Protein backbone atom coordinates (compact mmCIF):
# COMPACT_ATOMS: atom_id res chain seq x y z
CA UNK A 1 0.11 -0.03 -0.16
CA UNK A 2 1.38 3.47 -0.82
CA UNK A 3 1.83 5.94 2.08
CA UNK A 4 1.53 9.53 1.36
CA UNK A 5 3.48 11.72 4.11
CA UNK A 6 1.28 14.95 4.14
CA UNK A 7 2.59 18.21 5.92
CA UNK A 8 -0.48 19.81 7.44
CA UNK A 9 -0.60 23.51 8.43
CA UNK A 10 -4.06 24.23 9.77
CA UNK A 11 -2.88 27.98 10.31
CA UNK A 12 -5.45 30.35 11.82
CA UNK A 13 -9.06 30.97 12.47
CA UNK A 14 -11.47 28.45 10.94
CA UNK A 15 -8.35 26.83 9.33
CA UNK A 16 -8.21 25.06 12.72
CA UNK A 17 -11.34 23.56 12.18
CA UNK A 18 -12.23 22.66 8.34
CA UNK A 19 -8.51 21.27 8.09
CA UNK A 20 -9.33 18.14 10.47
CA UNK A 21 -12.80 17.90 8.88
CA UNK A 22 -11.07 17.64 5.20
CA UNK A 23 -8.53 15.01 6.65
CA UNK A 24 -11.28 12.81 8.08
CA UNK A 25 -13.09 12.91 4.23
CA UNK A 26 -9.56 12.18 2.67
CA UNK A 27 -8.96 9.29 5.18
CA UNK A 28 -12.28 7.86 4.38
CA UNK A 29 -11.58 8.13 0.73
CA UNK A 30 -8.46 6.46 1.01
CA UNK A 31 -9.79 3.50 3.02
CA UNK A 32 -12.54 2.84 0.51
CA UNK A 33 -10.10 2.73 -2.44
CA UNK A 34 -7.75 0.48 -0.56
CA UNK A 35 -4.69 1.30 -2.43
CA UNK A 36 -3.04 4.21 -0.55
CA UNK A 37 -3.28 6.12 2.83
CA UNK A 38 -2.20 9.28 4.29
CA UNK A 39 0.31 9.82 7.07
CA UNK A 40 -0.27 13.46 8.52
CA UNK A 41 2.06 15.46 10.40
CA UNK A 42 0.52 18.65 11.67
CA UNK A 43 2.79 22.15 12.22
CA UNK A 44 1.43 24.92 14.40
CA UNK A 45 2.72 28.00 12.22
CA UNK A 46 0.72 30.73 11.29
CA UNK A 47 -0.21 34.14 13.19
CA UNK A 48 -0.43 32.85 16.79
CA UNK A 49 2.91 31.39 16.29
CA UNK A 50 4.27 34.61 15.05
CA UNK A 51 2.88 36.42 18.26
CA UNK A 52 4.86 33.98 20.00
CA UNK A 53 8.11 33.62 18.26
CA UNK A 54 8.01 36.70 16.01
CA UNK A 55 8.24 34.52 12.84
CA UNK A 56 5.39 32.86 10.78
CA UNK A 57 7.26 29.63 10.58
CA UNK A 58 10.76 28.63 11.98
CA UNK A 59 13.99 29.09 10.30
CA UNK A 60 14.27 25.45 9.16
CA UNK A 61 10.47 25.30 8.13
CA UNK A 62 11.10 24.99 4.42
CA UNK A 63 13.83 22.12 5.01
CA UNK A 64 11.44 20.40 7.00
CA UNK A 65 8.50 20.73 4.57
CA UNK A 66 10.57 19.29 1.70
CA UNK A 67 10.74 15.76 3.50
CA UNK A 68 6.98 15.56 2.68
CA UNK A 69 5.18 14.45 -0.20
CA UNK A 70 2.43 17.24 -0.23
CA UNK A 71 1.27 20.35 1.99
CA UNK A 72 -2.13 20.77 3.01
CA UNK A 73 -2.81 24.41 4.22
CA UNK A 74 -5.74 25.91 5.79
CA UNK A 75 -5.94 29.58 6.25
CA UNK A 76 -3.84 32.23 7.12
CA UNK A 77 -4.19 35.81 8.85
CA UNK A 78 -4.88 37.69 11.97
CA UNK A 79 -5.31 41.03 10.52
CA UNK A 80 -6.27 42.74 13.77
CA UNK A 81 -2.84 41.52 15.29
CA UNK A 82 -0.42 40.76 12.67
CA UNK A 83 -0.28 42.95 9.37
CA UNK A 84 -1.36 40.97 6.22
CA UNK A 85 1.84 41.52 4.56
CA UNK A 86 3.75 39.90 7.26
CA UNK A 87 1.50 37.17 7.66
CA UNK A 88 1.33 36.35 3.93
CA UNK A 89 4.95 36.73 2.95
CA UNK A 90 6.16 34.97 5.92
CA UNK A 91 4.51 31.68 5.19
CA UNK A 92 1.97 31.35 2.07
CA UNK A 93 4.18 33.21 -0.35
CA UNK A 94 7.47 31.81 1.22
CA UNK A 95 6.34 28.39 0.69
CA UNK A 96 5.04 29.05 -2.94
CA UNK A 97 8.31 30.85 -3.86
CA UNK A 98 10.78 28.32 -2.44
CA UNK A 99 9.26 25.48 -3.04
CA UNK A 100 9.06 26.54 -6.77
CA UNK A 101 5.09 26.21 -6.82
CA UNK A 102 5.02 28.13 -10.16
CA UNK A 103 1.41 27.08 -11.24
CA UNK A 104 -1.71 27.95 -9.20
CA UNK A 105 -4.87 26.11 -10.41
CA UNK A 106 -8.39 27.06 -9.21
CA UNK A 107 -11.75 25.62 -10.69
CA UNK A 108 -15.11 27.17 -10.76
CA UNK A 109 -18.26 25.06 -11.52
CA UNK A 110 -21.93 25.16 -11.01
CA UNK A 111 -22.54 22.88 -8.29
CA UNK A 112 -25.51 20.47 -7.88
CA UNK A 113 -27.58 22.29 -4.99
CA UNK A 114 -25.87 25.28 -4.60
CA UNK A 115 -27.74 28.21 -6.48
CA UNK A 116 -25.42 30.74 -8.15
CA UNK A 117 -26.26 34.26 -7.90
CA UNK A 118 -26.49 34.57 -11.76
CA UNK A 119 -29.56 34.51 -13.36
CA UNK A 120 -28.62 32.14 -16.05
CA UNK A 121 -25.44 30.32 -14.99
CA UNK A 122 -25.87 27.61 -17.73
CA UNK A 123 -23.85 25.10 -16.01
CA UNK A 124 -20.51 27.02 -16.22
CA UNK A 125 -17.37 24.93 -15.57
CA UNK A 126 -13.99 26.52 -15.86
CA UNK A 127 -10.57 26.12 -14.55
CA UNK A 128 -7.94 29.31 -14.12
CA UNK A 129 -4.53 28.72 -14.52
CA UNK A 130 -2.48 31.29 -12.68
CA UNK A 131 1.35 32.06 -13.07
CA UNK A 132 2.14 31.95 -9.66
CA UNK A 133 5.84 33.02 -9.02
CA UNK A 134 6.20 36.19 -10.74
CA UNK A 135 4.24 38.84 -12.77
CA UNK A 136 2.64 41.63 -10.61
CA UNK A 137 3.52 40.12 -7.23
CA UNK A 138 7.39 40.25 -7.88
CA UNK A 139 9.40 41.34 -5.04
CA UNK A 140 10.92 44.19 -7.14
CA UNK A 141 10.44 47.90 -6.15
CA UNK A 142 10.71 50.29 -3.27
CA UNK A 143 9.88 53.49 -1.76
CA UNK A 144 11.92 56.57 -1.32
CA UNK A 145 11.31 59.97 0.27
CA UNK A 146 8.43 60.78 2.51
CA UNK A 147 5.45 63.06 2.56
CA UNK A 148 4.18 64.78 -0.38
CA UNK A 149 7.44 63.68 -2.43
CA UNK A 150 7.17 60.10 -1.35
CA UNK A 151 7.60 57.69 -4.48
CA UNK A 152 6.37 53.95 -4.33
CA UNK A 153 7.44 51.63 -7.01
CA UNK A 154 6.14 48.17 -7.77
CA UNK A 155 7.65 46.24 -10.94
CA UNK A 156 5.93 43.59 -12.50
CA UNK A 157 8.49 41.14 -14.06
CA UNK A 158 7.53 38.52 -16.67
CA UNK A 159 9.94 36.19 -17.89
CA UNK A 160 9.68 33.74 -20.92
CA UNK A 161 10.23 30.70 -18.99
CA UNK A 162 7.51 31.49 -16.70
CA UNK A 163 5.02 32.69 -18.92
CA UNK A 164 5.50 29.75 -21.17
CA UNK A 165 5.43 27.29 -18.39
CA UNK A 166 1.75 28.69 -17.19
CA UNK A 167 0.70 28.62 -20.90
CA UNK A 168 2.01 24.97 -21.88
CA UNK A 169 0.20 24.03 -18.42
CA UNK A 170 -3.03 25.42 -19.56
CA UNK A 171 -2.85 23.91 -23.04
CA UNK A 172 -2.18 20.60 -21.72
CA UNK A 173 -4.94 20.59 -19.20
CA UNK A 174 -7.49 21.86 -22.03
CA UNK A 175 -6.80 18.51 -23.95
CA UNK A 176 -8.51 16.64 -21.17
CA UNK A 177 -11.31 19.05 -20.89
CA UNK A 178 -13.18 20.85 -23.57
CA UNK A 179 -10.13 21.77 -25.66
CA UNK A 180 -10.10 25.69 -25.45
CA UNK A 181 -7.83 27.97 -23.63
CA UNK A 182 -8.52 31.81 -23.10
CA UNK A 183 -5.51 34.35 -22.26
CA UNK A 184 -6.31 37.08 -20.04
CA UNK A 185 -4.28 40.10 -21.10
CA UNK A 186 -4.47 43.76 -20.88
CA UNK A 187 -2.22 44.85 -23.91
CA UNK A 188 -4.13 48.13 -24.63
CA UNK A 189 -3.24 49.44 -21.30
CA UNK A 190 0.00 47.65 -20.06
CA UNK A 191 2.70 48.94 -22.91
CA UNK A 192 5.29 46.25 -21.99
CA UNK A 193 4.31 43.38 -20.05
CA UNK A 194 0.93 42.27 -21.63
CA UNK A 195 2.10 42.61 -25.29
CA UNK A 196 4.85 40.45 -24.50
CA UNK A 197 2.37 38.09 -22.74
CA UNK A 198 0.24 38.06 -26.10
CA UNK A 199 3.20 37.31 -28.23
CA UNK A 200 4.34 34.33 -26.02
CA UNK A 201 0.73 33.00 -26.00
CA UNK A 202 0.53 33.28 -29.81
CA UNK A 203 3.81 31.37 -30.06
CA UNK A 204 2.96 28.71 -27.64
CA UNK A 205 -0.48 28.51 -29.29
CA UNK A 206 1.07 27.30 -32.44
CA UNK A 207 2.17 23.77 -31.02
CA UNK A 208 -1.48 23.50 -30.10
CA UNK A 209 -3.32 23.62 -33.16
CA UNK A 210 -6.39 21.23 -32.29
CA UNK A 211 -6.82 23.60 -29.18
CA UNK A 212 -9.43 26.48 -29.43
CA UNK A 213 -7.62 29.97 -28.53
CA UNK A 214 -8.79 33.03 -27.58
CA UNK A 215 -7.61 36.42 -26.05
CA UNK A 216 -9.58 38.74 -23.92
CA UNK A 217 -8.71 41.99 -22.18
CA UNK A 218 -9.12 41.26 -18.39
CA UNK A 219 -11.89 43.88 -17.87
CA UNK A 220 -14.17 42.44 -20.67
CA UNK A 221 -13.44 38.88 -19.34
CA UNK A 222 -14.43 39.74 -15.94
CA UNK A 223 -17.72 40.70 -17.61
CA UNK A 224 -17.84 37.92 -19.44
CA UNK A 225 -17.63 35.59 -16.35
CA UNK A 226 -20.81 37.16 -15.19
CA UNK A 227 -22.48 37.41 -18.56
CA UNK A 228 -21.65 33.89 -20.19
CA UNK A 229 -19.30 31.85 -17.81
CA UNK A 230 -20.33 28.64 -19.45
CA UNK A 231 -18.36 29.60 -22.49
CA UNK A 232 -14.93 29.37 -20.88
CA UNK A 233 -12.74 26.06 -20.40
CA UNK A 234 -9.35 26.98 -19.22
CA UNK A 235 -8.15 30.51 -18.65
CA UNK A 236 -4.51 31.31 -18.15
CA UNK A 237 -3.59 34.42 -16.51
CA UNK A 238 -0.97 36.27 -14.92
CA UNK A 239 -0.32 36.48 -10.92
CA UNK A 240 -2.67 39.50 -10.38
CA UNK A 241 -5.41 38.67 -13.01
CA UNK A 242 -5.57 35.15 -12.17
CA UNK A 243 -6.17 36.04 -8.46
CA UNK A 244 -8.93 38.39 -9.02
CA UNK A 245 -10.72 36.29 -11.65
CA UNK A 246 -10.72 33.20 -9.35
CA UNK A 247 -12.40 35.35 -6.45
CA UNK A 248 -14.87 36.08 -9.02
CA UNK A 249 -15.24 32.61 -9.94
CA UNK A 250 -15.77 31.65 -6.39
CA UNK A 251 -18.58 34.45 -6.04
CA UNK A 252 -20.52 33.15 -9.23
CA UNK A 253 -20.44 29.52 -7.55
CA UNK A 254 -22.56 31.02 -4.56
CA UNK A 255 -19.74 31.73 -2.17
CA UNK A 256 -16.02 32.09 -2.03
CA UNK A 257 -16.02 29.77 1.02
CA UNK A 258 -16.21 26.70 -1.24
CA UNK A 259 -13.39 27.56 -3.54
CA UNK A 260 -10.33 25.36 -3.70
CA UNK A 261 -7.00 26.02 -5.01
CA UNK A 262 -3.59 24.12 -5.82
CA UNK A 263 -0.10 25.50 -5.82
CA UNK A 264 1.92 23.31 -7.99
CA UNK A 265 5.39 22.33 -8.37
CA UNK A 266 4.76 20.75 -11.70
CA UNK A 267 8.30 19.27 -11.83
CA UNK A 268 7.51 17.52 -8.60
CA UNK A 269 11.04 18.62 -7.39
CA UNK A 270 9.44 19.82 -4.24
CA UNK A 271 6.08 19.27 -2.57
CA UNK A 272 2.90 21.24 -3.97
CA UNK A 273 0.36 22.94 -1.56
CA UNK A 274 -3.28 22.81 -1.57
CA UNK A 275 -5.38 25.30 0.32
CA UNK A 276 -8.84 26.65 0.04
CA UNK A 277 -9.36 30.28 -1.54
CA UNK A 278 -11.44 31.30 1.68
CA UNK A 279 -9.60 33.36 4.56
CA UNK A 280 -9.41 32.71 8.30
CA UNK A 281 -12.74 34.13 9.02
CA UNK A 282 -11.83 35.19 12.67
CA UNK A 283 -15.26 36.48 13.17
CA UNK A 284 -16.68 32.91 13.21
CA UNK A 285 -13.78 30.83 14.28
CA UNK A 286 -14.23 28.53 17.18
CA UNK A 287 -17.86 28.41 16.81
CA UNK A 288 -18.29 25.29 14.75
CA UNK A 289 -20.12 26.82 12.02
CA UNK A 290 -17.52 27.28 9.22
CA UNK A 291 -17.85 25.54 5.89
CA UNK A 292 -15.60 22.70 5.27
CA UNK A 293 -16.44 22.11 1.66
CA UNK A 294 -13.61 24.39 0.41
CA UNK A 295 -10.98 22.61 2.25
CA UNK A 296 -12.69 19.27 1.06
CA UNK A 297 -12.56 20.26 -2.44
CA UNK A 298 -9.08 21.33 -1.97
CA UNK A 299 -8.14 17.93 -0.55
CA UNK A 300 -10.02 16.45 -3.85
CA UNK A 301 -7.27 18.42 -6.12
CA UNK A 302 -4.72 16.93 -3.98
CA UNK A 303 -6.05 13.51 -4.90
CA UNK A 304 -6.08 14.30 -8.52
CA UNK A 305 -2.46 15.45 -8.32
CA UNK A 306 -1.40 12.20 -6.68
CA UNK A 307 -2.88 10.29 -9.55
CA UNK A 308 -6.04 9.56 -8.12
CA UNK A 309 -8.62 11.40 -10.01
CA UNK A 310 -11.39 8.78 -9.83
CA UNK A 311 -11.15 8.97 -5.82
CA UNK A 312 -11.24 12.78 -6.28
CA UNK A 313 -14.43 12.53 -8.51
CA UNK A 314 -16.17 10.58 -5.58
CA UNK A 315 -15.14 13.28 -3.09
CA UNK A 316 -16.64 16.06 -5.32
CA UNK A 317 -19.63 14.00 -5.98
CA UNK A 318 -20.16 13.58 -2.36
CA UNK A 319 -19.96 17.35 -1.78
CA UNK A 320 -22.62 17.93 -4.65
CA UNK A 321 -24.88 15.25 -3.07
CA UNK A 322 -24.53 16.98 0.45
CA UNK A 323 -25.53 20.49 -1.16
CA UNK A 324 -28.41 18.73 -3.09
CA UNK A 325 -29.77 17.11 0.26
CA UNK A 326 -29.78 20.68 1.52
CA UNK A 327 -27.12 20.21 4.19
CA UNK A 328 -25.43 23.70 4.00
CA UNK A 329 -23.77 26.02 6.53
CA UNK A 330 -24.88 29.51 7.19
CA UNK A 331 -22.87 31.16 4.46
CA UNK A 332 -24.77 29.12 1.75
CA UNK A 333 -28.16 29.86 3.13
CA UNK A 334 -28.53 26.72 5.28
CA UNK A 335 -28.61 26.12 9.05
CA UNK A 336 -26.15 23.01 9.39
CA UNK A 337 -22.78 23.33 11.33
CA UNK A 338 -19.39 22.14 10.49
CA UNK A 339 -19.87 18.66 11.98
CA UNK A 340 -23.09 17.93 10.32
CA UNK A 341 -21.75 18.95 6.90
CA UNK A 342 -18.73 16.96 7.39
CA UNK A 343 -21.01 13.89 8.50
CA UNK A 344 -23.14 14.26 5.47
CA UNK A 345 -20.16 14.28 3.08
CA UNK A 346 -18.66 11.16 4.85
CA UNK A 347 -22.13 9.25 4.30
CA UNK A 348 -22.45 10.33 0.88
CA UNK A 349 -18.59 9.13 0.16
CA UNK A 350 -20.13 5.75 0.93
């Protein structure tokens, strides 16, 4: 039997509640399959750890994580006590960068039993492939002077290697879906980075002649995700554009609280990291009412990446059956608590 060693970082707020729930579902999915199992190791890193030690994770944290097959992350953030730029760059982005998790994948689909706020969602089902290592979130820039003369500079860095890597991943994913890739750009406003992005997309696209290809400006694309989301299959986007589009994807599903994400080291040299899109929600932390479905769906993505897509499909089916039965937390308009939703998913996994 294959044993996967998973590093678990519940993090802050509701992460400490939804992560154990998802682990329970994944353990049962593995048990029902019978060919693999998980060995979990939990690390207490996050904002509480920062308040105790002055660091979001220990100095040897990255080296510790390298010894695991994958990383399962909950949520990070206590904005009232720890500034977001410290919590984010001290843990989440630190892991993404040092583990070379260059691709971020976030699906959005109309789930059975969960009404979309859109009048005509038309069964949308798309995936955003986001470049995850550079772009607008590059660590290049600075501030000089102060007061009225103060200047802040933030540089966006686009390399051919990083851009091509994201685009090729998107095209390869489209082969197993509906065979269409849409590129998010803004070359009519950003005079250097986005024309470069468009050129690379056209060049990479030549190797995928059987895959449909479209380029949309980001502002129009955001509008299209509201007006006609069903036309999209795989969307490839820069770091910033992909970040914004995927929050919109969660919103049109009915709640950002159910949206999953995967930070992938596609070379498999280092562990990949799987995390839900939702935040730590400190206002409801500890009350037992958090929605675990985003974390469970995130676990489904980890199963896919490990090579068990059939098991992952069963987990997603169990989520949809739970929603269709009306077992929903308050953010989805229901009255169930976290434990009741988890139990329903476990039962439907049978």
